[in-house]
C-alpha atoms as a PDB file:
ATOM      1  CA  MET A   1      64.291  92.237  51.444  1.00  0.00           C
ATOM      2  CA  ILE A   2      61.534  94.760  50.738  1.00  0.00           C
ATOM      3  CA  ARG A   3      58.981  92.451  52.313  1.00  0.00           C
ATOM      4  CA  ASP A   4      60.963  92.483  55.534  1.00  0.00           C
ATOM      5  CA  GLU A   5      61.362  96.270  55.334  1.00  0.00           C
ATOM      6  CA  ILE A   6      57.582  96.711  55.225  1.00  0.00           C
ATOM      7  CA  SER A   7      56.605  94.774  58.310  1.00  0.00           C
ATOM      8  CA  VAL A   8      52.816  94.957  58.428  1.00  0.00           C
ATOM      9  CA  SER A   9      49.882  92.767  59.173  1.00  0.00           C
ATOM     10  CA  ILE A  10      48.395  90.911  56.240  1.00  0.00           C
ATOM     11  CA  GLN A  11      44.936  91.925  57.406  1.00  0.00           C
ATOM     12  CA  THR A  12      45.534  95.633  58.081  1.00  0.00           C
ATOM     13  CA  LEU A  13      46.382  98.266  55.469  1.00  0.00           C
ATOM     14  CA  ARG A  14      49.187 100.445  56.791  1.00  0.00           C
ATOM     15  CA  TRP A  15      51.491 103.163  55.524  1.00  0.00           C
ATOM     16  CA  LYS A  16      54.873 104.329  56.728  1.00  0.00           C
ATOM     17  CA  CYS A  17      57.548 106.867  55.844  1.00  0.00           C
ATOM     18  CA  ILE A  18      60.626 104.931  54.760  1.00  0.00           C
ATOM     19  CA  GLU A  19      62.877 107.877  53.978  1.00  0.00           C
ATOM     20  CA  SER A  20      62.795 111.624  54.562  1.00  0.00           C
ATOM     21  CA  ARG A  21      65.496 114.096  53.493  1.00  0.00           C
ATOM     22  CA  ALA A  22      65.947 117.834  53.185  1.00  0.00           C
ATOM     23  CA  TYR A  23      68.613 118.348  50.517  1.00  0.00           C
ATOM     24  CA  SER A  24      68.196 122.109  50.883  1.00  0.00           C
ATOM     25  CA  LYS A  25      65.576 124.594  52.053  1.00  0.00           C
ATOM     26  CA  ARG A  26      63.932 124.338  48.618  1.00  0.00           C
ATOM     27  CA  LEU A  27      64.266 120.619  47.974  1.00  0.00           C
ATOM     28  CA  HIS A  28      62.678 118.035  50.258  1.00  0.00           C
ATOM     29  CA  TYR A  29      62.283 114.332  49.533  1.00  0.00           C
ATOM     30  CA  GLY A  30      60.087 111.662  51.066  1.00  0.00           C
ATOM     31  CA  ARG A  31      59.507 107.981  50.297  1.00  0.00           C
ATOM     32  CA  PHE A  32      56.401 106.234  51.594  1.00  0.00           C
ATOM     33  CA  ALA A  33      54.995 102.719  51.454  1.00  0.00           C
ATOM     34  CA  LEU A  34      51.441 101.419  51.629  1.00  0.00           C
ATOM     35  CA  SER A  35      50.686  97.704  52.097  1.00  0.00           C
ATOM     36  CA  PRO A  36      49.413  95.050  51.898  1.00  0.00           C
ATOM     37  CA  LEU A  37      47.291  95.617  48.799  1.00  0.00           C
ATOM     38  CA  ARG A  38      45.451  93.131  46.630  1.00  0.00           C
ATOM     39  CA  LYS A  39      46.775  92.726  43.113  1.00  0.00           C
ATOM     40  CA  GLY A  40      45.861  95.748  40.953  1.00  0.00           C
ATOM     41  CA  ARG A  41      45.004  98.121  43.782  1.00  0.00           C
ATOM     42  CA  ALA A  42      48.504  99.589  44.061  1.00  0.00           C
ATOM     43  CA  ASP A  43      48.364 100.809  40.474  1.00  0.00           C
ATOM     44  CA  THR A  44      44.896 102.318  41.004  1.00  0.00           C
ATOM     45  CA  ILE A  45      46.020 104.225  44.084  1.00  0.00           C
ATOM     46  CA  GLY A  46      49.395 105.173  42.615  1.00  0.00           C
ATOM     47  CA  ILE A  47      47.919 106.806  39.506  1.00  0.00           C
ATOM     48  CA  ALA A  48      45.363 108.777  41.517  1.00  0.00           C
ATOM     49  CA  MET A  49      47.876 109.896  44.157  1.00  0.00           C
ATOM     50  CA  ARG A  50      50.435 111.057  41.604  1.00  0.00           C
ATOM     51  CA  ARG A  51      47.808 113.153  39.799  1.00  0.00           C
ATOM     52  CA  ALA A  52      46.557 114.615  43.083  1.00  0.00           C
ATOM     53  CA  LEU A  53      50.077 115.417  44.287  1.00  0.00           C
ATOM     54  CA  LEU A  54      51.008 117.222  41.078  1.00  0.00           C
ATOM     55  CA  GLY A  55      47.724 119.021  40.450  1.00  0.00           C
ATOM     56  CA  GLU A  56      45.599 119.254  43.601  1.00  0.00           C
ATOM     57  CA  VAL A  57      48.025 120.353  46.337  1.00  0.00           C
ATOM     58  CA  GLU A  58      47.854 124.072  47.063  1.00  0.00           C
ATOM     59  CA  GLY A  59      50.798 126.431  47.091  1.00  0.00           C
ATOM     60  CA  THR A  60      51.534 130.106  47.708  1.00  0.00           C
ATOM     61  CA  CYS A  61      53.406 132.449  45.410  1.00  0.00           C
ATOM     62  CA  ILE A  62      53.760 136.030  44.203  1.00  0.00           C
ATOM     63  CA  THR A  63      51.205 136.742  41.469  1.00  0.00           C
ATOM     64  CA  ARG A  64      51.569 140.474  40.804  1.00  0.00           C
ATOM     65  CA  VAL A  65      54.306 143.116  41.066  1.00  0.00           C
ATOM     66  CA  LYS A  66      53.953 146.889  41.015  1.00  0.00           C
ATOM     67  CA  LEU A  67      56.928 149.057  40.021  1.00  0.00           C
ATOM     68  CA  GLU A  68      56.572 152.822  39.994  1.00  0.00           C
ATOM     69  CA  ASN A  69      57.245 154.662  36.706  1.00  0.00           C
ATOM     70  CA  ILE A  70      57.987 151.458  34.775  1.00  0.00           C
ATOM     71  CA  LYS A  71      55.990 150.845  31.605  1.00  0.00           C
ATOM     72  CA  HIS A  72      57.503 147.733  30.052  1.00  0.00           C
ATOM     73  CA  GLU A  73      58.760 144.353  31.209  1.00  0.00           C
ATOM     74  CA  TYR A  74      62.075 144.753  29.383  1.00  0.00           C
ATOM     75  CA  SER A  75      62.798 148.229  30.702  1.00  0.00           C
ATOM     76  CA  ALA A  76      66.120 148.969  32.382  1.00  0.00           C
ATOM     77  CA  ILE A  77      66.136 150.700  35.771  1.00  0.00           C
ATOM     78  CA  ILE A  78      68.998 153.112  36.439  1.00  0.00           C
ATOM     79  CA  GLY A  79      70.975 151.928  39.441  1.00  0.00           C
ATOM     80  CA  ILE A  80      69.724 148.317  39.310  1.00  0.00           C
ATOM     81  CA  GLU A  81      71.809 145.658  37.625  1.00  0.00           C
ATOM     82  CA  GLU A  82      68.884 143.468  36.571  1.00  0.00           C
ATOM     83  CA  SER A  83      66.216 144.356  34.020  1.00  0.00           C
ATOM     84  CA  VAL A  84      62.541 144.399  35.034  1.00  0.00           C
ATOM     85  CA  HIS A  85      62.127 141.007  33.387  1.00  0.00           C
ATOM     86  CA  ASP A  86      64.957 139.505  35.465  1.00  0.00           C
ATOM     87  CA  ILE A  87      63.481 140.925  38.677  1.00  0.00           C
ATOM     88  CA  LEU A  88      60.080 139.443  37.833  1.00  0.00           C
ATOM     89  CA  MET A  89      61.626 136.035  37.145  1.00  0.00           C
ATOM     90  CA  ASN A  90      63.510 136.146  40.453  1.00  0.00           C
ATOM     91  CA  LEU A  91      60.329 137.032  42.341  1.00  0.00           C
ATOM     92  CA  LYS A  92      58.507 134.193  40.596  1.00  0.00           C
ATOM     93  CA  GLU A  93      61.013 131.731  42.081  1.00  0.00           C
ATOM     94  CA  ILE A  94      60.488 132.865  45.684  1.00  0.00           C
ATOM     95  CA  VAL A  95      59.090 129.945  47.703  1.00  0.00           C
ATOM     96  CA  LEU A  96      56.401 130.913  50.215  1.00  0.00           C
ATOM     97  CA  ARG A  97      54.190 129.141  52.719  1.00  0.00           C
ATOM     98  CA  SER A  98      50.824 130.396  53.934  1.00  0.00           C
ATOM     99  CA  ASP A  99      47.935 129.014  55.974  1.00  0.00           C
ATOM    100  CA  SER A 100      45.584 131.798  54.855  1.00  0.00           C
ATOM    101  CA  TYR A 101      43.501 132.006  51.714  1.00  0.00           C
ATOM    102  CA  GLY A 102      42.771 135.074  49.652  1.00  0.00           C
ATOM    103  CA  ILE A 103      45.043 137.824  48.369  1.00  0.00           C
ATOM    104  CA  ARG A 104      47.739 139.238  50.649  1.00  0.00           C
ATOM    105  CA  GLU A 105      49.906 142.326  50.156  1.00  0.00           C
ATOM    106  CA  ALA A 106      53.674 142.529  50.667  1.00  0.00           C
ATOM    107  CA  SER A 107      56.391 145.025  49.799  1.00  0.00           C
ATOM    108  CA  ILE A 108      60.113 145.644  49.393  1.00  0.00           C
ATOM    109  CA  TYR A 109      61.527 149.010  50.449  1.00  0.00           C
ATOM    110  CA  ILE A 110      65.321 149.288  50.404  1.00  0.00           C
ATOM    111  CA  VAL A 111      68.066 151.841  49.773  1.00  0.00           C
ATOM    112  CA  GLY A 112      71.176 150.961  47.733  1.00  0.00           C
ATOM    113  CA  PRO A 113      73.821 150.129  47.022  1.00  0.00           C
ATOM    114  CA  ARG A 114      73.224 146.560  48.221  1.00  0.00           C
ATOM    115  CA  ASN A 115      71.934 143.140  47.231  1.00  0.00           C
ATOM    116  CA  VAL A 116      68.217 142.552  47.585  1.00  0.00           C
ATOM    117  CA  THR A 117      67.127 139.081  48.727  1.00  0.00           C
ATOM    118  CA  ALA A 118      63.900 137.425  49.832  1.00  0.00           C
ATOM    119  CA  GLN A 119      64.742 138.444  53.393  1.00  0.00           C
ATOM    120  CA  ASP A 120      63.979 142.071  52.441  1.00  0.00           C
ATOM    121  CA  ILE A 121      60.325 141.292  51.632  1.00  0.00           C
ATOM    122  CA  ILE A 122      57.953 142.738  54.240  1.00  0.00           C
ATOM    123  CA  LEU A 123      55.273 140.051  54.633  1.00  0.00           C
ATOM    124  CA  PRO A 124      51.901 139.761  56.394  1.00  0.00           C
ATOM    125  CA  PRO A 125      52.003 137.553  59.526  1.00  0.00           C
ATOM    126  CA  SER A 126      50.308 134.610  57.800  1.00  0.00           C
ATOM    127  CA  VAL A 127      53.002 134.232  55.115  1.00  0.00           C
ATOM    128  CA  LYS A 128      56.483 132.753  55.573  1.00  0.00           C
ATOM    129  CA  ILE A 129      59.531 132.757  53.275  1.00  0.00           C
ATOM    130  CA  ILE A 130      61.174 129.338  52.961  1.00  0.00           C
ATOM    131  CA  ASP A 131      64.613 130.493  51.748  1.00  0.00           C
ATOM    132  CA  THR A 132      65.480 134.077  52.724  1.00  0.00           C
ATOM    133  CA  THR A 133      68.708 133.985  50.680  1.00  0.00           C
ATOM    134  CA  GLN A 134      66.970 133.867  47.285  1.00  0.00           C
ATOM    135  CA  HIS A 135      68.313 136.671  45.101  1.00  0.00           C
ATOM    136  CA  ILE A 136      65.978 139.364  43.738  1.00  0.00           C
ATOM    137  CA  ALA A 137      68.148 142.247  42.487  1.00  0.00           C
ATOM    138  CA  ARG A 138      71.394 144.160  43.010  1.00  0.00           C
ATOM    139  CA  LEU A 139      71.305 147.917  43.545  1.00  0.00           C
ATOM    140  CA  THR A 140      74.533 149.487  42.300  1.00  0.00           C
ATOM    141  CA  LYS A 141      73.789 153.103  43.258  1.00  0.00           C
ATOM    142  CA  SER A 142      72.360 155.040  46.166  1.00  0.00           C
ATOM    143  CA  ILE A 143      68.761 154.809  45.054  1.00  0.00           C
ATOM    144  CA  THR A 144      65.509 153.881  46.768  1.00  0.00           C
ATOM    145  CA  SER A 145      63.534 150.914  45.495  1.00  0.00           C
ATOM    146  CA  ASP A 146      59.864 150.515  46.380  1.00  0.00           C
ATOM    147  CA  ILE A 147      58.217 147.346  45.074  1.00  0.00           C
ATOM    148  CA  ARG A 148      54.658 146.255  45.887  1.00  0.00           C
ATOM    149  CA  LEU A 149      53.760 142.576  45.756  1.00  0.00           C
ATOM    150  CA  GLN A 150      50.551 140.564  45.653  1.00  0.00           C
ATOM    151  CA  ILE A 151      50.590 137.084  47.195  1.00  0.00           C
ATOM    152  CA  GLU A 152      47.985 134.411  46.653  1.00  0.00           C
ATOM    153  CA  LYS A 153      47.329 130.813  47.693  1.00  0.00           C
ATOM    154  CA  ASN A 154      45.839 128.557  45.042  1.00  0.00           C
ATOM    155  CA  ARG A 155      46.405 125.341  43.105  1.00  0.00           C
ATOM    156  CA  GLY A 156      47.590 124.569  39.569  1.00  0.00           C
ATOM    157  CA  TYR A 157      48.988 127.477  37.589  1.00  0.00           C
ATOM    158  CA  ILE A 158      47.940 130.782  36.001  1.00  0.00           C
ATOM    159  CA  ILE A 159      49.436 132.041  32.734  1.00  0.00           C
ATOM    160  CA  HIS A 160      49.092 135.765  32.034  1.00  0.00           C
ATOM    161  CA  SER A 161      49.154 137.528  28.665  1.00  0.00           C
ATOM    162  CA  SER A 162      52.494 139.162  27.925  1.00  0.00           C
ATOM    163  CA  ASN A 163      50.661 142.374  26.987  1.00  0.00           C
ATOM    164  CA  ASN A 164      48.651 142.613  30.189  1.00  0.00           C
ATOM    165  CA  TYR A 165      50.732 145.404  31.763  1.00  0.00           C
ATOM    166  CA  GLN A 166      49.384 148.763  32.880  1.00  0.00           C
ATOM    167  CA  ASP A 167      50.366 151.505  35.332  1.00  0.00           C
ATOM    168  CA  GLY A 168      53.537 149.682  36.328  1.00  0.00           C
ATOM    169  CA  ILE A 169      51.595 146.557  37.381  1.00  0.00           C
ATOM    170  CA  PHE A 170      53.089 143.299  36.108  1.00  0.00           C
ATOM    171  CA  PRO A 171      51.169 140.003  36.548  1.00  0.00           C
ATOM    172  CA  ILE A 172      53.464 137.007  37.059  1.00  0.00           C
ATOM    173  CA  ASP A 173      52.840 133.534  35.680  1.00  0.00           C
ATOM    174  CA  ALA A 174      52.009 131.777  38.936  1.00  0.00           C
ATOM    175  CA  VAL A 175      52.830 128.129  39.612  1.00  0.00           C
ATOM    176  CA  PHE A 176      50.973 127.045  42.761  1.00  0.00           C
ATOM    177  CA  MET A 177      52.684 123.662  42.913  1.00  0.00           C
ATOM    178  CA  PRO A 178      54.776 122.877  45.987  1.00  0.00           C
ATOM    179  CA  VAL A 179      55.255 119.318  44.696  1.00  0.00           C
ATOM    180  CA  ARG A 180      58.090 119.318  42.175  1.00  0.00           C
ATOM    181  CA  ASP A 181      57.727 115.689  41.195  1.00  0.00           C
ATOM    182  CA  ALA A 182      56.005 112.484  42.287  1.00  0.00           C
ATOM    183  CA  ASN A 183      56.582 108.904  41.242  1.00  0.00           C
ATOM    184  CA  TYR A 184      55.269 105.536  42.334  1.00  0.00           C
ATOM    185  CA  SER A 185      56.446 101.959  42.019  1.00  0.00           C
ATOM    186  CA  ILE A 186      54.959  98.593  42.931  1.00  0.00           C
ATOM    187  CA  HIS A 187      56.534  95.518  44.507  1.00  0.00           C
ATOM    188  CA  SER A 188      54.635  92.225  44.347  1.00  0.00           C
ATOM    189  CA  TYR A 189      55.177  89.204  46.569  1.00  0.00           C
ATOM    190  CA  GLY A 190      53.457  85.890  47.151  1.00  0.00           C
ATOM    191  CA  SER A 191      52.190  83.445  44.541  1.00  0.00           C
ATOM    192  CA  GLY A 192      48.999  82.150  43.013  1.00  0.00           C
ATOM    193  CA  ASN A 193      45.899  83.658  44.589  1.00  0.00           C
ATOM    194  CA  GLU A 194      47.924  85.043  47.498  1.00  0.00           C
ATOM    195  CA  ILE A 195      49.746  87.789  45.559  1.00  0.00           C
ATOM    196  CA  GLN A 196      50.081  90.979  47.587  1.00  0.00           C
ATOM    197  CA  GLU A 197      51.447  94.368  46.536  1.00  0.00           C
ATOM    198  CA  VAL A 198      53.379  97.169  48.198  1.00  0.00           C
ATOM    199  CA  LEU A 199      52.934 100.687  46.793  1.00  0.00           C
ATOM    200  CA  PHE A 200      55.948 103.001  47.069  1.00  0.00           C
ATOM    201  CA  LEU A 201      55.426 106.753  46.643  1.00  0.00           C
ATOM    202  CA  GLU A 202      58.302 109.179  46.112  1.00  0.00           C
ATOM    203  CA  ILE A 203      57.609 112.895  46.576  1.00  0.00           C
ATOM    204  CA  TRP A 204      59.855 115.896  45.971  1.00  0.00           C
ATOM    205  CA  THR A 205      58.699 119.324  47.201  1.00  0.00           C
ATOM    206  CA  ASN A 206      60.046 122.880  47.053  1.00  0.00           C
ATOM    207  CA  GLY A 207      59.931 123.304  50.835  1.00  0.00           C
ATOM    208  CA  GLY A 208      56.588 125.114  50.828  1.00  0.00           C
ATOM    209  CA  LEU A 209      55.210 121.831  52.153  1.00  0.00           C
ATOM    210  CA  THR A 210      57.024 118.767  53.409  1.00  0.00           C
ATOM    211  CA  PRO A 211      56.429 115.541  51.438  1.00  0.00           C
ATOM    212  CA  ARG A 212      54.395 114.206  54.372  1.00  0.00           C
ATOM    213  CA  GLU A 213      52.172 117.317  54.369  1.00  0.00           C
ATOM    214  CA  ALA A 214      51.750 117.086  50.587  1.00  0.00           C
ATOM    215  CA  LEU A 215      50.744 113.423  50.875  1.00  0.00           C
ATOM    216  CA  TYR A 216      48.171 114.289  53.546  1.00  0.00           C
ATOM    217  CA  GLU A 217      46.659 117.155  51.519  1.00  0.00           C
ATOM    218  CA  ALA A 218      46.537 115.131  48.284  1.00  0.00           C
ATOM    219  CA  SER A 219      44.770 112.305  50.135  1.00  0.00           C
ATOM    220  CA  ARG A 220      42.234 114.729  51.615  1.00  0.00           C
ATOM    221  CA  ASN A 221      41.525 116.221  48.209  1.00  0.00           C
ATOM    222  CA  LEU A 222      40.940 112.785  46.703  1.00  0.00           C
ATOM    223  CA  ILE A 223      38.504 111.934  49.492  1.00  0.00           C
ATOM    224  CA  ASP A 224      36.604 115.179  48.849  1.00  0.00           C
ATOM    225  CA  LEU A 225      36.247 114.276  45.170  1.00  0.00           C
ATOM    226  CA  PHE A 226      34.494 110.998  46.002  1.00  0.00           C
ATOM    227  CA  ILE A 227      32.200 112.294  48.753  1.00  0.00           C
ATOM    228  CA  PRO A 228      29.331 113.172  46.320  1.00  0.00           C
ATOM    229  CA  PHE A 229      29.032 109.473  45.443  1.00  0.00           C
ATOM    230  CA  LEU A 230      28.243 108.726  49.098  1.00  0.00           C
ATOM    231  CA  HIS A 231      24.994 110.715  48.937  1.00  0.00           C
ATOM    232  CA  GLY A 232      21.842 108.763  49.441  1.00  0.00           C
ATOM    233  CA  GLU A 233      20.179 110.324  46.386  1.00  0.00           C
ATOM    234  CA  GLU A 234      21.334 111.183  42.904  1.00  0.00           C
ATOM    235  CA  GLN A 235      21.842 114.832  41.998  1.00  0.00           C
ATOM    236  CA  ASN A 236      21.111 116.598  38.738  1.00  0.00           C
ATOM    237  CA  ILE A 237      23.799 118.652  37.008  1.00  0.00           C
ATOM    238  CA  ASP A 238      22.489 121.844  38.643  1.00  0.00           C
ATOM    239  CA  GLY A 239      23.156 120.347  42.084  1.00  0.00           C
ATOM    240  CA  MET A 240      19.466 119.802  42.994  1.00  0.00           C
ATOM    241  CA  ASN A 241      18.104 116.449  44.108  1.00  0.00           C
ATOM    242  CA  LYS A 242      15.824 114.582  41.745  1.00  0.00           C
ATOM    243  CA  LYS A 243      13.434 114.134  44.664  1.00  0.00           C
ATOM    244  CA  LYS A 244      11.459 117.347  45.130  1.00  0.00           C
ATOM    245  CA  GLY A 245      11.597 119.189  48.421  1.00  0.00           C
ATOM    246  CA  SER A 246      14.838 117.537  49.511  1.00  0.00           C
ATOM    247  CA  ASN A 247      17.761 119.614  50.764  1.00  0.00           C
ATOM    248  CA  MET A 248      20.896 117.568  50.458  1.00  0.00           C
ATOM    249  CA  LEU A 249      23.825 118.554  52.629  1.00  0.00           C
ATOM    250  CA  PRO A 250      27.376 118.449  51.216  1.00  0.00           C
ATOM    251  CA  PHE A 251      28.102 115.234  53.134  1.00  0.00           C
ATOM    252  CA  PRO A 252      26.222 111.975  53.800  1.00  0.00           C
ATOM    253  CA  LEU A 253      24.064 113.035  56.759  1.00  0.00           C
ATOM    254  CA  SER A 254      22.167 109.777  56.560  1.00  0.00           C
ATOM    255  CA  HIS A 255      25.387 108.082  57.626  1.00  0.00           C
ATOM    256  CA  VAL A 256      25.916 110.528  60.490  1.00  0.00           C
ATOM    257  CA  LEU A 257      22.499 110.378  62.124  1.00  0.00           C
ATOM    258  CA  THR A 258      22.527 106.679  62.717  1.00  0.00           C
ATOM    259  CA  ASP A 259      20.852 104.880  65.603  1.00  0.00           C
ATOM    260  CA  THR A 260      23.006 101.755  65.353  1.00  0.00           C
ATOM    261  CA  GLY A 261      25.316 102.732  68.182  1.00  0.00           C
ATOM    262  CA  GLU A 262      27.996 105.130  69.298  1.00  0.00           C
ATOM    263  CA  THR A 263      30.814 103.157  67.655  1.00  0.00           C
ATOM    264  CA  LYS A 264      29.363 103.484  64.168  1.00  0.00           C
ATOM    265  CA  GLU A 265      28.653 107.177  64.730  1.00  0.00           C
ATOM    266  CA  LYS A 266      32.274 107.780  65.669  1.00  0.00           C
ATOM    267  CA  ILE A 267      33.450 105.955  62.571  1.00  0.00           C
ATOM    268  CA  GLU A 268      31.229 108.123  60.361  1.00  0.00           C
ATOM    269  CA  PHE A 269      32.222 111.340  62.136  1.00  0.00           C
ATOM    270  CA  GLN A 270      35.869 110.525  61.413  1.00  0.00           C
ATOM    271  CA  HIS A 271      35.108 110.678  57.697  1.00  0.00           C
ATOM    272  CA  ILE A 272      33.486 114.122  57.758  1.00  0.00           C
ATOM    273  CA  PHE A 273      36.155 116.801  57.538  1.00  0.00           C
ATOM    274  CA  ILE A 274      35.641 120.314  58.844  1.00  0.00           C
ATOM    275  CA  ASP A 275      36.180 121.861  55.416  1.00  0.00           C
ATOM    276  CA  GLN A 276      32.859 120.228  54.452  1.00  0.00           C
ATOM    277  CA  LEU A 277      31.045 122.303  57.085  1.00  0.00           C
ATOM    278  CA  GLU A 278      31.366 125.491  54.980  1.00  0.00           C
ATOM    279  CA  LEU A 279      32.907 127.481  57.816  1.00  0.00           C
ATOM    280  CA  PRO A 280      34.448 130.921  57.161  1.00  0.00           C
ATOM    281  CA  PRO A 281      38.115 130.603  56.047  1.00  0.00           C
ATOM    282  CA  GLN A 282      39.496 132.276  59.186  1.00  0.00           C
ATOM    283  CA  THR A 283      37.521 129.955  61.464  1.00  0.00           C
ATOM    284  CA  TYR A 284      38.497 126.896  59.424  1.00  0.00           C
ATOM    285  CA  ASN A 285      42.200 127.812  59.552  1.00  0.00           C
ATOM    286  CA  SER A 286      42.089 128.389  63.326  1.00  0.00           C
ATOM    287  CA  LEU A 287      40.509 124.972  63.890  1.00  0.00           C
ATOM    288  CA  ARG A 288      42.983 123.272  61.605  1.00  0.00           C
ATOM    289  CA  ARG A 289      45.937 124.873  63.407  1.00  0.00           C
ATOM    290  CA  ALA A 290      44.492 123.404  66.622  1.00  0.00           C
ATOM    291  CA  ASN A 291      44.644 119.933  64.971  1.00  0.00           C
ATOM    292  CA  ILE A 292      40.858 119.757  64.554  1.00  0.00           C
ATOM    293  CA  HIS A 293      40.411 118.070  61.198  1.00  0.00           C
ATOM    294  CA  THR A 294      37.224 116.012  61.420  1.00  0.00           C
ATOM    295  CA  LEU A 295      33.743 116.361  62.851  1.00  0.00           C
ATOM    296  CA  LEU A 296      34.703 113.817  65.505  1.00  0.00           C
ATOM    297  CA  ASP A 297      37.626 116.028  66.573  1.00  0.00           C
ATOM    298  CA  LEU A 298      35.312 119.031  66.779  1.00  0.00           C
ATOM    299  CA  LEU A 299      32.635 117.253  68.827  1.00  0.00           C
ATOM    300  CA  ASN A 300      35.237 116.415  71.482  1.00  0.00           C
ATOM    301  CA  TYR A 301      35.549 120.142  72.277  1.00  0.00           C
ATOM    302  CA  SER A 302      33.252 122.089  74.585  1.00  0.00           C
ATOM    303  CA  ARG A 303      32.324 125.739  74.069  1.00  0.00           C
ATOM    304  CA  GLU A 304      34.961 126.696  76.668  1.00  0.00           C
ATOM    305  CA  ASP A 305      37.603 124.599  74.888  1.00  0.00           C
ATOM    306  CA  LEU A 306      36.860 126.344  71.590  1.00  0.00           C
ATOM    307  CA  MET A 307      37.114 129.772  73.225  1.00  0.00           C
ATOM    308  CA  ARG A 308      40.661 128.928  74.315  1.00  0.00           C
ATOM    309  CA  ILE A 309      41.830 128.251  70.735  1.00  0.00           C
ATOM    310  CA  GLU A 310      44.152 130.953  69.433  1.00  0.00           C
ATOM    311  CA  HIS A 311      42.557 133.451  67.000  1.00  0.00           C
ATOM    312  CA  LEU A 312      39.121 131.851  67.508  1.00  0.00           C
ATOM    313  CA  GLY A 313      36.974 134.557  69.090  1.00  0.00           C
ATOM    314  CA  LYS A 314      33.468 134.440  70.528  1.00  0.00           C
ATOM    315  CA  GLU A 315      31.856 135.267  67.183  1.00  0.00           C
ATOM    316  CA  SER A 316      33.718 132.429  65.441  1.00  0.00           C
ATOM    317  CA  VAL A 317      32.744 129.970  68.189  1.00  0.00           C
ATOM    318  CA  GLU A 318      29.086 130.948  67.766  1.00  0.00           C
ATOM    319  CA  GLN A 319      29.408 130.365  64.006  1.00  0.00           C
ATOM    320  CA  VAL A 320      30.778 126.869  64.648  1.00  0.00           C
ATOM    321  CA  LEU A 321      27.985 126.044  67.093  1.00  0.00           C
ATOM    322  CA  GLU A 322      25.346 127.347  64.693  1.00  0.00           C
ATOM    323  CA  VAL A 323      26.681 125.161  61.901  1.00  0.00           C
ATOM    324  CA  LEU A 324      26.535 122.132  64.207  1.00  0.00           C
ATOM    325  CA  ARG A 325      22.976 122.971  65.282  1.00  0.00           C
ATOM    326  CA  LYS A 326      21.844 123.154  61.663  1.00  0.00           C
ATOM    327  CA  LEU A 327      23.649 119.912  60.885  1.00  0.00           C
ATOM    328  CA  PHE A 328      22.002 117.860  63.602  1.00  0.00           C
ATOM    329  CA  CYS A 329      18.577 119.539  63.468  1.00  0.00           C
ATOM    330  CA  ASN A 330      18.071 118.890  59.788  1.00  0.00           C
END
């Protein structure tokens, strides 16, 4: 029975991964359960999580291609079997993973005759190809092909005008969605006033993220959306407090600076994530790779511990300490 499969305490809300599969490098599946929930809560969470999974999880893809001496998308290139359009569509399908934000440059430089696959893309260190066998083009003659690529990490999608081509630069319709699909279902058990619910989430990804990683990121993004409602004072549309002379921080500092004991402080620190500290992207990524996700995690590190984190230099450590000083001095 499903109730036996989800063995949890009636008092404690828990989640677990019931099933995890990798059908291929570009198709991963995960099934998760959350319980016990009061009647109606499973539907509330399920709707929000599905929307966040499909629209708020970030992905990485190729957004622009530069081809020398090519003026039109439907041009044919002598010595290459595919048209420019086909090459662009193949590049659009390449699945990438990146921990860095901003625009990155990549390139393809090969000599035919031979097949060109994703493995031939020369990438920056922060970007990884999920499936190196993905086909790009087939060179049928002894020619040299030099293709420049622009890679970007973002969320949602970007649609470019079909006439927006110039100097051999071709923007690609970018789909920054590592989650291919997400569904939820609800199982109810009990009777009368004791009805409990189990929420099941099914997630399919393209391999750029695992379903577990996608679930984590979607949950974080939902939390970030609700943080403004935790502020002690109401904000106007322009972001300023109604109370004059007040400088509101982007997280509930009144909850952090509490004098009701260490236990409560730790609980509050667990709910302040480091991306709320407005750290530089490089510093933020280095901390996250070191499994530092919350303010509580960060406060457990000394200056010497931070200096030992890979890619986190002295200047970055000083930036982190300065942010913390401002946080606790205000």
